[in-house]
mmCIF file of all heavy atoms, coordinates in Angstrom:
data_MODEL
# 
_entry.id   MODEL 
# 
loop_
_atom_site.group_PDB 
_atom_site.id 
_atom_site.type_symbol 
_atom_site.label_atom_id 
_atom_site.label_alt_id 
_atom_site.label_comp_id 
_atom_site.label_asym_id 
_atom_site.label_entity_id 
_atom_site.label_seq_id 
_atom_site.pdbx_PDB_ins_code 
_atom_site.Cartn_x 
_atom_site.Cartn_y 
_atom_site.Cartn_z 
_atom_site.occupancy 
_atom_site.B_iso_or_equiv 
_atom_site.pdbx_formal_charge 
_atom_site.auth_seq_id 
_atom_site.auth_comp_id 
_atom_site.auth_asym_id 
_atom_site.auth_atom_id 
_atom_site.pdbx_PDB_model_num 
ATOM 1   N N   . THR A 1 1  ? 1.298  50.920 -39.202 1.00 0.00 ? 1  THR A N   1 
ATOM 2   C CA  . THR A 1 1  ? -0.034 51.328 -39.633 1.00 0.00 ? 1  THR A CA  1 
ATOM 3   C C   . THR A 1 1  ? -0.766 52.014 -38.488 1.00 0.00 ? 1  THR A C   1 
ATOM 4   O O   . THR A 1 1  ? -0.831 51.495 -37.378 1.00 0.00 ? 1  THR A O   1 
ATOM 5   C CB  . THR A 1 1  ? -0.836 50.107 -40.108 1.00 0.00 ? 1  THR A CB  1 
ATOM 6   O OG1 . THR A 1 1  ? -0.102 49.452 -41.147 1.00 0.00 ? 1  THR A OG1 1 
ATOM 7   C CG2 . THR A 1 1  ? -2.198 50.502 -40.621 1.00 0.00 ? 1  THR A CG2 1 
ATOM 8   N N   . GLY A 1 2  ? -1.273 53.209 -38.748 1.00 0.00 ? 2  GLY A N   1 
ATOM 9   C CA  . GLY A 1 2  ? -2.022 53.953 -37.751 1.00 0.00 ? 2  GLY A CA  1 
ATOM 10  C C   . GLY A 1 2  ? -1.176 54.646 -36.698 1.00 0.00 ? 2  GLY A C   1 
ATOM 11  O O   . GLY A 1 2  ? -1.699 55.214 -35.755 1.00 0.00 ? 2  GLY A O   1 
ATOM 12  N N   . GLN A 1 3  ? 0.149  54.607 -36.862 1.00 0.00 ? 3  GLN A N   1 
ATOM 13  C CA  . GLN A 1 3  ? 1.058  55.199 -35.878 1.00 0.00 ? 3  GLN A CA  1 
ATOM 14  C C   . GLN A 1 3  ? 1.792  56.390 -36.500 1.00 0.00 ? 3  GLN A C   1 
ATOM 15  O O   . GLN A 1 3  ? 1.815  56.564 -37.711 1.00 0.00 ? 3  GLN A O   1 
ATOM 16  C CB  . GLN A 1 3  ? 2.094  54.155 -35.441 1.00 0.00 ? 3  GLN A CB  1 
ATOM 17  C CG  . GLN A 1 3  ? 1.500  52.902 -34.854 1.00 0.00 ? 3  GLN A CG  1 
ATOM 18  C CD  . GLN A 1 3  ? 1.066  53.077 -33.418 1.00 0.00 ? 3  GLN A CD  1 
ATOM 19  O OE1 . GLN A 1 3  ? 1.669  53.839 -32.670 1.00 0.00 ? 3  GLN A OE1 1 
ATOM 20  N NE2 . GLN A 1 3  ? 0.031  52.376 -33.021 1.00 0.00 ? 3  GLN A NE2 1 
ATOM 21  N N   . ALA A 1 4  ? 2.430  57.165 -35.645 1.00 0.00 ? 4  ALA A N   1 
ATOM 22  C CA  . ALA A 1 4  ? 3.247  58.290 -36.114 1.00 0.00 ? 4  ALA A CA  1 
ATOM 23  C C   . ALA A 1 4  ? 4.545  57.780 -36.730 1.00 0.00 ? 4  ALA A C   1 
ATOM 24  O O   . ALA A 1 4  ? 5.022  56.691 -36.392 1.00 0.00 ? 4  ALA A O   1 
ATOM 25  C CB  . ALA A 1 4  ? 3.572  59.207 -34.935 1.00 0.00 ? 4  ALA A CB  1 
ATOM 26  N N   . ARG A 1 5  ? 5.112  58.567 -37.627 1.00 0.00 ? 5  ARG A N   1 
ATOM 27  C CA  . ARG A 1 5  ? 6.405  58.244 -38.231 1.00 0.00 ? 5  ARG A CA  1 
ATOM 28  C C   . ARG A 1 5  ? 7.494  58.556 -37.213 1.00 0.00 ? 5  ARG A C   1 
ATOM 29  O O   . ARG A 1 5  ? 7.506  59.632 -36.615 1.00 0.00 ? 5  ARG A O   1 
ATOM 30  C CB  . ARG A 1 5  ? 6.582  59.082 -39.491 1.00 0.00 ? 5  ARG A CB  1 
ATOM 31  C CG  . ARG A 1 5  ? 7.859  58.785 -40.242 1.00 0.00 ? 5  ARG A CG  1 
ATOM 32  C CD  . ARG A 1 5  ? 7.898  59.537 -41.530 1.00 0.00 ? 5  ARG A CD  1 
ATOM 33  N NE  . ARG A 1 5  ? 8.344  60.902 -41.276 1.00 0.00 ? 5  ARG A NE  1 
ATOM 34  C CZ  . ARG A 1 5  ? 8.832  61.706 -42.189 1.00 0.00 ? 5  ARG A CZ  1 
ATOM 35  N NH1 . ARG A 1 5  ? 8.900  61.322 -43.440 1.00 0.00 ? 5  ARG A NH1 1 
ATOM 36  N NH2 . ARG A 1 5  ? 9.221  62.923 -41.876 1.00 0.00 ? 5  ARG A NH2 1 
ATOM 37  N N   . LEU A 1 6  ? 8.429  57.624 -37.014 1.00 0.00 ? 6  LEU A N   1 
ATOM 38  C CA  . LEU A 1 6  ? 9.499  57.778 -36.030 1.00 0.00 ? 6  LEU A CA  1 
ATOM 39  C C   . LEU A 1 6  ? 10.858 57.637 -36.699 1.00 0.00 ? 6  LEU A C   1 
ATOM 40  O O   . LEU A 1 6  ? 11.035 56.823 -37.606 1.00 0.00 ? 6  LEU A O   1 
ATOM 41  C CB  . LEU A 1 6  ? 9.359  56.726 -34.927 1.00 0.00 ? 6  LEU A CB  1 
ATOM 42  C CG  . LEU A 1 6  ? 8.041  56.743 -34.140 1.00 0.00 ? 6  LEU A CG  1 
ATOM 43  C CD1 . LEU A 1 6  ? 7.915  55.507 -33.268 1.00 0.00 ? 6  LEU A CD1 1 
ATOM 44  C CD2 . LEU A 1 6  ? 7.943  58.008 -33.308 1.00 0.00 ? 6  LEU A CD2 1 
ATOM 45  N N   . SER A 1 7  ? 11.819 58.412 -36.225 1.00 0.00 ? 7  SER A N   1 
ATOM 46  C CA  . SER A 1 7  ? 13.182 58.362 -36.763 1.00 0.00 ? 7  SER A CA  1 
ATOM 47  C C   . SER A 1 7  ? 13.906 57.118 -36.282 1.00 0.00 ? 7  SER A C   1 
ATOM 48  O O   . SER A 1 7  ? 13.719 56.672 -35.151 1.00 0.00 ? 7  SER A O   1 
ATOM 49  C CB  . SER A 1 7  ? 13.982 59.584 -36.306 1.00 0.00 ? 7  SER A CB  1 
ATOM 50  O OG  . SER A 1 7  ? 13.430 60.763 -36.821 1.00 0.00 ? 7  SER A OG  1 
ATOM 51  N N   . LEU A 1 8  ? 14.760 56.596 -37.158 1.00 0.00 ? 8  LEU A N   1 
ATOM 52  C CA  . LEU A 1 8  ? 15.637 55.488 -36.795 1.00 0.00 ? 8  LEU A CA  1 
ATOM 53  C C   . LEU A 1 8  ? 17.040 56.036 -36.596 1.00 0.00 ? 8  LEU A C   1 
ATOM 54  O O   . LEU A 1 8  ? 17.553 56.778 -37.433 1.00 0.00 ? 8  LEU A O   1 
ATOM 55  C CB  . LEU A 1 8  ? 15.645 54.427 -37.893 1.00 0.00 ? 8  LEU A CB  1 
ATOM 56  C CG  . LEU A 1 8  ? 14.337 53.671 -38.095 1.00 0.00 ? 8  LEU A CG  1 
ATOM 57  C CD1 . LEU A 1 8  ? 14.464 52.695 -39.259 1.00 0.00 ? 8  LEU A CD1 1 
ATOM 58  C CD2 . LEU A 1 8  ? 13.939 52.931 -36.835 1.00 0.00 ? 8  LEU A CD2 1 
ATOM 59  N N   . VAL A 1 9  ? 17.662 55.670 -35.479 1.00 0.00 ? 9  VAL A N   1 
ATOM 60  C CA  . VAL A 1 9  ? 19.011 56.114 -35.150 1.00 0.00 ? 9  VAL A CA  1 
ATOM 61  C C   . VAL A 1 9  ? 19.949 54.927 -35.365 1.00 0.00 ? 9  VAL A C   1 
ATOM 62  O O   . VAL A 1 9  ? 19.770 53.875 -34.748 1.00 0.00 ? 9  VAL A O   1 
ATOM 63  C CB  . VAL A 1 9  ? 19.086 56.599 -33.686 1.00 0.00 ? 9  VAL A CB  1 
ATOM 64  C CG1 . VAL A 1 9  ? 20.492 57.034 -33.329 1.00 0.00 ? 9  VAL A CG1 1 
ATOM 65  C CG2 . VAL A 1 9  ? 18.068 57.714 -33.442 1.00 0.00 ? 9  VAL A CG2 1 
ATOM 66  N N   . PRO A 1 10 ? 20.941 55.052 -36.257 1.00 0.00 ? 10 PRO A N   1 
ATOM 67  C CA  . PRO A 1 10 ? 21.808 53.913 -36.554 1.00 0.00 ? 10 PRO A CA  1 
ATOM 68  C C   . PRO A 1 10 ? 22.662 53.495 -35.359 1.00 0.00 ? 10 PRO A C   1 
ATOM 69  O O   . PRO A 1 10 ? 23.228 54.329 -34.659 1.00 0.00 ? 10 PRO A O   1 
ATOM 70  C CB  . PRO A 1 10 ? 22.676 54.405 -37.707 1.00 0.00 ? 10 PRO A CB  1 
ATOM 71  C CG  . PRO A 1 10 ? 22.520 55.876 -37.763 1.00 0.00 ? 10 PRO A CG  1 
ATOM 72  C CD  . PRO A 1 10 ? 21.272 56.236 -37.029 1.00 0.00 ? 10 PRO A CD  1 
ATOM 73  N N   . VAL A 1 11 ? 22.730 52.183 -35.159 1.00 0.00 ? 11 VAL A N   1 
ATOM 74  C CA  . VAL A 1 11 ? 23.612 51.580 -34.169 1.00 0.00 ? 11 VAL A CA  1 
ATOM 75  C C   . VAL A 1 11 ? 24.753 50.881 -34.904 1.00 0.00 ? 11 VAL A C   1 
ATOM 76  O O   . VAL A 1 11 ? 25.904 50.957 -34.510 1.00 0.00 ? 11 VAL A O   1 
ATOM 77  C CB  . VAL A 1 11 ? 22.842 50.570 -33.281 1.00 0.00 ? 11 VAL A CB  1 
ATOM 78  C CG1 . VAL A 1 11 ? 23.778 49.836 -32.338 1.00 0.00 ? 11 VAL A CG1 1 
ATOM 79  C CG2 . VAL A 1 11 ? 21.734 51.274 -32.518 1.00 0.00 ? 11 VAL A CG2 1 
ATOM 80  N N   . SER A 1 12 ? 24.394 50.192 -35.991 1.00 0.00 ? 12 SER A N   1 
ATOM 81  C CA  . SER A 1 12 ? 25.359 49.560 -36.894 1.00 0.00 ? 12 SER A CA  1 
ATOM 82  C C   . SER A 1 12 ? 24.715 49.539 -38.278 1.00 0.00 ? 12 SER A C   1 
ATOM 83  O O   . SER A 1 12 ? 23.624 50.088 -38.468 1.00 0.00 ? 12 SER A O   1 
ATOM 84  C CB  . SER A 1 12 ? 25.717 48.147 -36.412 1.00 0.00 ? 12 SER A CB  1 
ATOM 85  O OG  . SER A 1 12 ? 24.597 47.298 -36.465 1.00 0.00 ? 12 SER A OG  1 
ATOM 86  N N   . ALA A 1 13 ? 25.371 48.892 -39.226 1.00 0.00 ? 13 ALA A N   1 
ATOM 87  C CA  . ALA A 1 13 ? 24.895 48.925 -40.609 1.00 0.00 ? 13 ALA A CA  1 
ATOM 88  C C   . ALA A 1 13 ? 23.442 48.469 -40.773 1.00 0.00 ? 13 ALA A C   1 
ATOM 89  O O   . ALA A 1 13 ? 22.697 49.057 -41.540 1.00 0.00 ? 13 ALA A O   1 
ATOM 90  C CB  . ALA A 1 13 ? 25.807 48.078 -41.486 1.00 0.00 ? 13 ALA A CB  1 
ATOM 91  N N   . ASP A 1 14 ? 23.027 47.452 -40.073 1.00 0.00 ? 14 ASP A N   1 
ATOM 92  C CA  . ASP A 1 14 ? 21.677 46.907 -40.228 1.00 0.00 ? 14 ASP A CA  1 
ATOM 93  C C   . ASP A 1 14 ? 20.853 46.963 -38.945 1.00 0.00 ? 14 ASP A C   1 
ATOM 94  O O   . ASP A 1 14 ? 19.827 46.290 -38.830 1.00 0.00 ? 14 ASP A O   1 
ATOM 95  C CB  . ASP A 1 14 ? 21.743 45.446 -40.701 1.00 0.00 ? 14 ASP A CB  1 
ATOM 96  C CG  . ASP A 1 14 ? 22.209 45.310 -42.136 1.00 0.00 ? 14 ASP A CG  1 
ATOM 97  O OD1 . ASP A 1 14 ? 21.997 46.249 -42.924 1.00 0.00 ? 14 ASP A OD1 1 
ATOM 98  O OD2 . ASP A 1 14 ? 22.784 44.261 -42.480 1.00 0.00 ? 14 ASP A OD2 1 
ATOM 99  N N   . HIS A 1 15 ? 21.285 47.764 -37.976 1.00 0.00 ? 15 HIS A N   1 
ATOM 100 C CA  . HIS A 1 15 ? 20.627 47.789 -36.667 1.00 0.00 ? 15 HIS A CA  1 
ATOM 101 C C   . HIS A 1 15 ? 20.368 49.243 -36.273 1.00 0.00 ? 15 HIS A C   1 
ATOM 102 O O   . HIS A 1 15 ? 21.269 50.074 -36.312 1.00 0.00 ? 15 HIS A O   1 
ATOM 103 C CB  . HIS A 1 15 ? 21.529 47.102 -35.649 1.00 0.00 ? 15 HIS A CB  1 
ATOM 104 C CG  . HIS A 1 15 ? 20.936 46.993 -34.287 1.00 0.00 ? 15 HIS A CG  1 
ATOM 105 N ND1 . HIS A 1 15 ? 21.650 46.514 -33.228 1.00 0.00 ? 15 HIS A ND1 1 
ATOM 106 C CD2 . HIS A 1 15 ? 19.721 47.289 -33.785 1.00 0.00 ? 15 HIS A CD2 1 
ATOM 107 C CE1 . HIS A 1 15 ? 20.908 46.536 -32.137 1.00 0.00 ? 15 HIS A CE1 1 
ATOM 108 N NE2 . HIS A 1 15 ? 19.729 47.006 -32.460 1.00 0.00 ? 15 HIS A NE2 1 
ATOM 109 N N   . PHE A 1 16 ? 19.132 49.523 -35.854 1.00 0.00 ? 16 PHE A N   1 
ATOM 110 C CA  . PHE A 1 16 ? 18.720 50.888 -35.541 1.00 0.00 ? 16 PHE A CA  1 
ATOM 111 C C   . PHE A 1 16 ? 17.893 50.925 -34.266 1.00 0.00 ? 16 PHE A C   1 
ATOM 112 O O   . PHE A 1 16 ? 17.131 49.999 -33.989 1.00 0.00 ? 16 PHE A O   1 
ATOM 113 C CB  . PHE A 1 16 ? 17.863 51.465 -36.683 1.00 0.00 ? 16 PHE A CB  1 
ATOM 114 C CG  . PHE A 1 16 ? 18.559 51.479 -38.005 1.00 0.00 ? 16 PHE A CG  1 
ATOM 115 C CD1 . PHE A 1 16 ? 18.594 50.338 -38.792 1.00 0.00 ? 16 PHE A CD1 1 
ATOM 116 C CD2 . PHE A 1 16 ? 19.189 52.618 -38.450 1.00 0.00 ? 16 PHE A CD2 1 
ATOM 117 C CE1 . PHE A 1 16 ? 19.240 50.339 -40.019 1.00 0.00 ? 16 PHE A CE1 1 
ATOM 118 C CE2 . PHE A 1 16 ? 19.848 52.633 -39.664 1.00 0.00 ? 16 PHE A CE2 1 
ATOM 119 C CZ  . PHE A 1 16 ? 19.874 51.486 -40.458 1.00 0.00 ? 16 PHE A CZ  1 
ATOM 120 N N   . LYS A 1 17 ? 18.013 51.998 -33.505 1.00 0.00 ? 17 LYS A N   1 
ATOM 121 C CA  . LYS A 1 17 ? 17.119 52.264 -32.380 1.00 0.00 ? 17 LYS A CA  1 
ATOM 122 C C   . LYS A 1 17 ? 16.012 53.172 -32.893 1.00 0.00 ? 17 LYS A C   1 
ATOM 123 O O   . LYS A 1 17 ? 16.252 54.032 -33.740 1.00 0.00 ? 17 LYS A O   1 
ATOM 124 C CB  . LYS A 1 17 ? 17.866 52.932 -31.234 1.00 0.00 ? 17 LYS A CB  1 
ATOM 125 C CG  . LYS A 1 17 ? 18.825 52.003 -30.526 1.00 0.00 ? 17 LYS A CG  1 
ATOM 126 C CD  . LYS A 1 17 ? 19.197 52.563 -29.172 1.00 0.00 ? 17 LYS A CD  1 
ATOM 127 C CE  . LYS A 1 17 ? 20.052 51.580 -28.423 1.00 0.00 ? 17 LYS A CE  1 
ATOM 128 N NZ  . LYS A 1 17 ? 19.276 50.618 -27.679 1.00 0.00 ? 17 LYS A NZ  1 
ATOM 129 N N   . VAL A 1 18 ? 14.808 52.963 -32.374 1.00 0.00 ? 18 VAL A N   1 
ATOM 130 C CA  . VAL A 1 18 ? 13.674 53.807 -32.746 1.00 0.00 ? 18 VAL A CA  1 
ATOM 131 C C   . VAL A 1 18 ? 13.662 54.986 -31.781 1.00 0.00 ? 18 VAL A C   1 
ATOM 132 O O   . VAL A 1 18 ? 13.552 54.800 -30.569 1.00 0.00 ? 18 VAL A O   1 
ATOM 133 C CB  . VAL A 1 18 ? 12.344 53.020 -32.689 1.00 0.00 ? 18 VAL A CB  1 
ATOM 134 C CG1 . VAL A 1 18 ? 11.188 53.909 -33.104 1.00 0.00 ? 18 VAL A CG1 1 
ATOM 135 C CG2 . VAL A 1 18 ? 12.415 51.773 -33.564 1.00 0.00 ? 18 VAL A CG2 1 
ATOM 136 N N   . GLN A 1 19 ? 13.793 56.189 -32.323 1.00 0.00 ? 19 GLN A N   1 
ATOM 137 C CA  . GLN A 1 19 ? 13.879 57.385 -31.486 1.00 0.00 ? 19 GLN A CA  1 
ATOM 138 C C   . GLN A 1 19 ? 12.561 57.634 -30.761 1.00 0.00 ? 19 GLN A C   1 
ATOM 139 O O   . GLN A 1 19 ? 11.490 57.622 -31.360 1.00 0.00 ? 19 GLN A O   1 
ATOM 140 C CB  . GLN A 1 19 ? 14.240 58.600 -32.335 1.00 0.00 ? 19 GLN A CB  1 
ATOM 141 C CG  . GLN A 1 19 ? 14.550 59.826 -31.519 1.00 0.00 ? 19 GLN A CG  1 
ATOM 142 C CD  . GLN A 1 19 ? 15.099 60.953 -32.381 1.00 0.00 ? 19 GLN A CD  1 
ATOM 143 O OE1 . GLN A 1 19 ? 15.034 60.921 -33.593 1.00 0.00 ? 19 GLN A OE1 1 
ATOM 144 N NE2 . GLN A 1 19 ? 15.651 61.962 -31.729 1.00 0.00 ? 19 GLN A NE2 1 
ATOM 145 N N   . GLY A 1 20 ? 12.641 57.809 -29.422 1.00 0.00 ? 20 GLY A N   1 
ATOM 146 C CA  . GLY A 1 20 ? 11.467 58.128 -28.620 1.00 0.00 ? 20 GLY A CA  1 
ATOM 147 C C   . GLY A 1 20 ? 10.659 56.925 -28.176 1.00 0.00 ? 20 GLY A C   1 
ATOM 148 O O   . GLY A 1 20 ? 9.647  57.080 -27.499 1.00 0.00 ? 20 GLY A O   1 
ATOM 149 N N   . VAL A 1 21 ? 11.091 55.729 -28.546 1.00 0.00 ? 21 VAL A N   1 
ATOM 150 C CA  . VAL A 1 21 ? 10.365 54.506 -28.189 1.00 0.00 ? 21 VAL A CA  1 
ATOM 151 C C   . VAL A 1 21 ? 11.399 53.466 -27.762 1.00 0.00 ? 21 VAL A C   1 
ATOM 152 O O   . VAL A 1 21 ? 12.494 53.410 -28.319 1.00 0.00 ? 21 VAL A O   1 
ATOM 153 C CB  . VAL A 1 21 ? 9.556  53.972 -29.399 1.00 0.00 ? 21 VAL A CB  1 
ATOM 154 C CG1 . VAL A 1 21 ? 8.870  52.669 -29.074 1.00 0.00 ? 21 VAL A CG1 1 
ATOM 155 C CG2 . VAL A 1 21 ? 8.548  55.000 -29.873 1.00 0.00 ? 21 VAL A CG2 1 
ATOM 156 N N   . ASP A 1 22 ? 11.056 52.624 -26.785 1.00 0.00 ? 22 ASP A N   1 
ATOM 157 C CA  . ASP A 1 22 ? 11.957 51.554 -26.367 1.00 0.00 ? 22 ASP A CA  1 
ATOM 158 C C   . ASP A 1 22 ? 11.805 50.392 -27.336 1.00 0.00 ? 22 ASP A C   1 
ATOM 159 O O   . ASP A 1 22 ? 11.144 49.391 -27.049 1.00 0.00 ? 22 ASP A O   1 
ATOM 160 C CB  . ASP A 1 22 ? 11.643 51.126 -24.934 1.00 0.00 ? 22 ASP A CB  1 
ATOM 161 C CG  . ASP A 1 22 ? 12.664 50.144 -24.386 1.00 0.00 ? 22 ASP A CG  1 
ATOM 162 O OD1 . ASP A 1 22 ? 13.773 50.041 -24.970 1.00 0.00 ? 22 ASP A OD1 1 
ATOM 163 O OD2 . ASP A 1 22 ? 12.358 49.462 -23.396 1.00 0.00 ? 22 ASP A OD2 1 
ATOM 164 N N   . ALA A 1 23 ? 12.385 50.553 -28.525 1.00 0.00 ? 23 ALA A N   1 
ATOM 165 C CA  . ALA A 1 23 ? 12.286 49.539 -29.571 1.00 0.00 ? 23 ALA A CA  1 
ATOM 166 C C   . ALA A 1 23 ? 13.508 49.635 -30.476 1.00 0.00 ? 23 ALA A C   1 
ATOM 167 O O   . ALA A 1 23 ? 14.177 50.665 -30.535 1.00 0.00 ? 23 ALA A O   1 
ATOM 168 C CB  . ALA A 1 23 ? 11.012 49.736 -30.392 1.00 0.00 ? 23 ALA A CB  1 
ATOM 169 N N   . GLU A 1 24 ? 13.779 48.534 -31.171 1.00 0.00 ? 24 GLU A N   1 
ATOM 170 C CA  . GLU A 1 24 ? 14.882 48.480 -32.121 1.00 0.00 ? 24 GLU A CA  1 
ATOM 171 C C   . GLU A 1 24 ? 14.395 47.809 -33.403 1.00 0.00 ? 24 GLU A C   1 
ATOM 172 O O   . GLU A 1 24 ? 13.495 46.968 -33.370 1.00 0.00 ? 24 GLU A O   1 
ATOM 173 C CB  . GLU A 1 24 ? 16.059 47.683 -31.550 1.00 0.00 ? 24 GLU A CB  1 
ATOM 174 C CG  . GLU A 1 24 ? 16.646 48.295 -30.299 1.00 0.00 ? 24 GLU A CG  1 
ATOM 175 C CD  . GLU A 1 24 ? 17.774 47.467 -29.717 1.00 0.00 ? 24 GLU A CD  1 
ATOM 176 O OE1 . GLU A 1 24 ? 18.192 46.462 -30.337 1.00 0.00 ? 24 GLU A OE1 1 
ATOM 177 O OE2 . GLU A 1 24 ? 18.244 47.824 -28.627 1.00 0.00 ? 24 GLU A OE2 1 
ATOM 178 N N   . VAL A 1 25 ? 15.008 48.190 -34.507 1.00 0.00 ? 25 VAL A N   1 
ATOM 179 C CA  . VAL A 1 25 ? 14.713 47.591 -35.803 1.00 0.00 ? 25 VAL A CA  1 
ATOM 180 C C   . VAL A 1 25 ? 16.028 47.114 -36.393 1.00 0.00 ? 25 VAL A C   1 
ATOM 181 O O   . VAL A 1 25 ? 17.036 47.830 -36.353 1.00 0.00 ? 25 VAL A O   1 
ATOM 182 C CB  . VAL A 1 25 ? 14.065 48.627 -36.753 1.00 0.00 ? 25 VAL A CB  1 
ATOM 183 C CG1 . VAL A 1 25 ? 13.995 48.103 -38.174 1.00 0.00 ? 25 VAL A CG1 1 
ATOM 184 C CG2 . VAL A 1 25 ? 12.688 49.010 -36.257 1.00 0.00 ? 25 VAL A CG2 1 
# 
């Protein structure tokens, strides 16, 4: 909420790195 939309880069089936940010989902 209130943030820019960021791409998710797949690492595995259910694990992603957030592009441009030191974060993972």
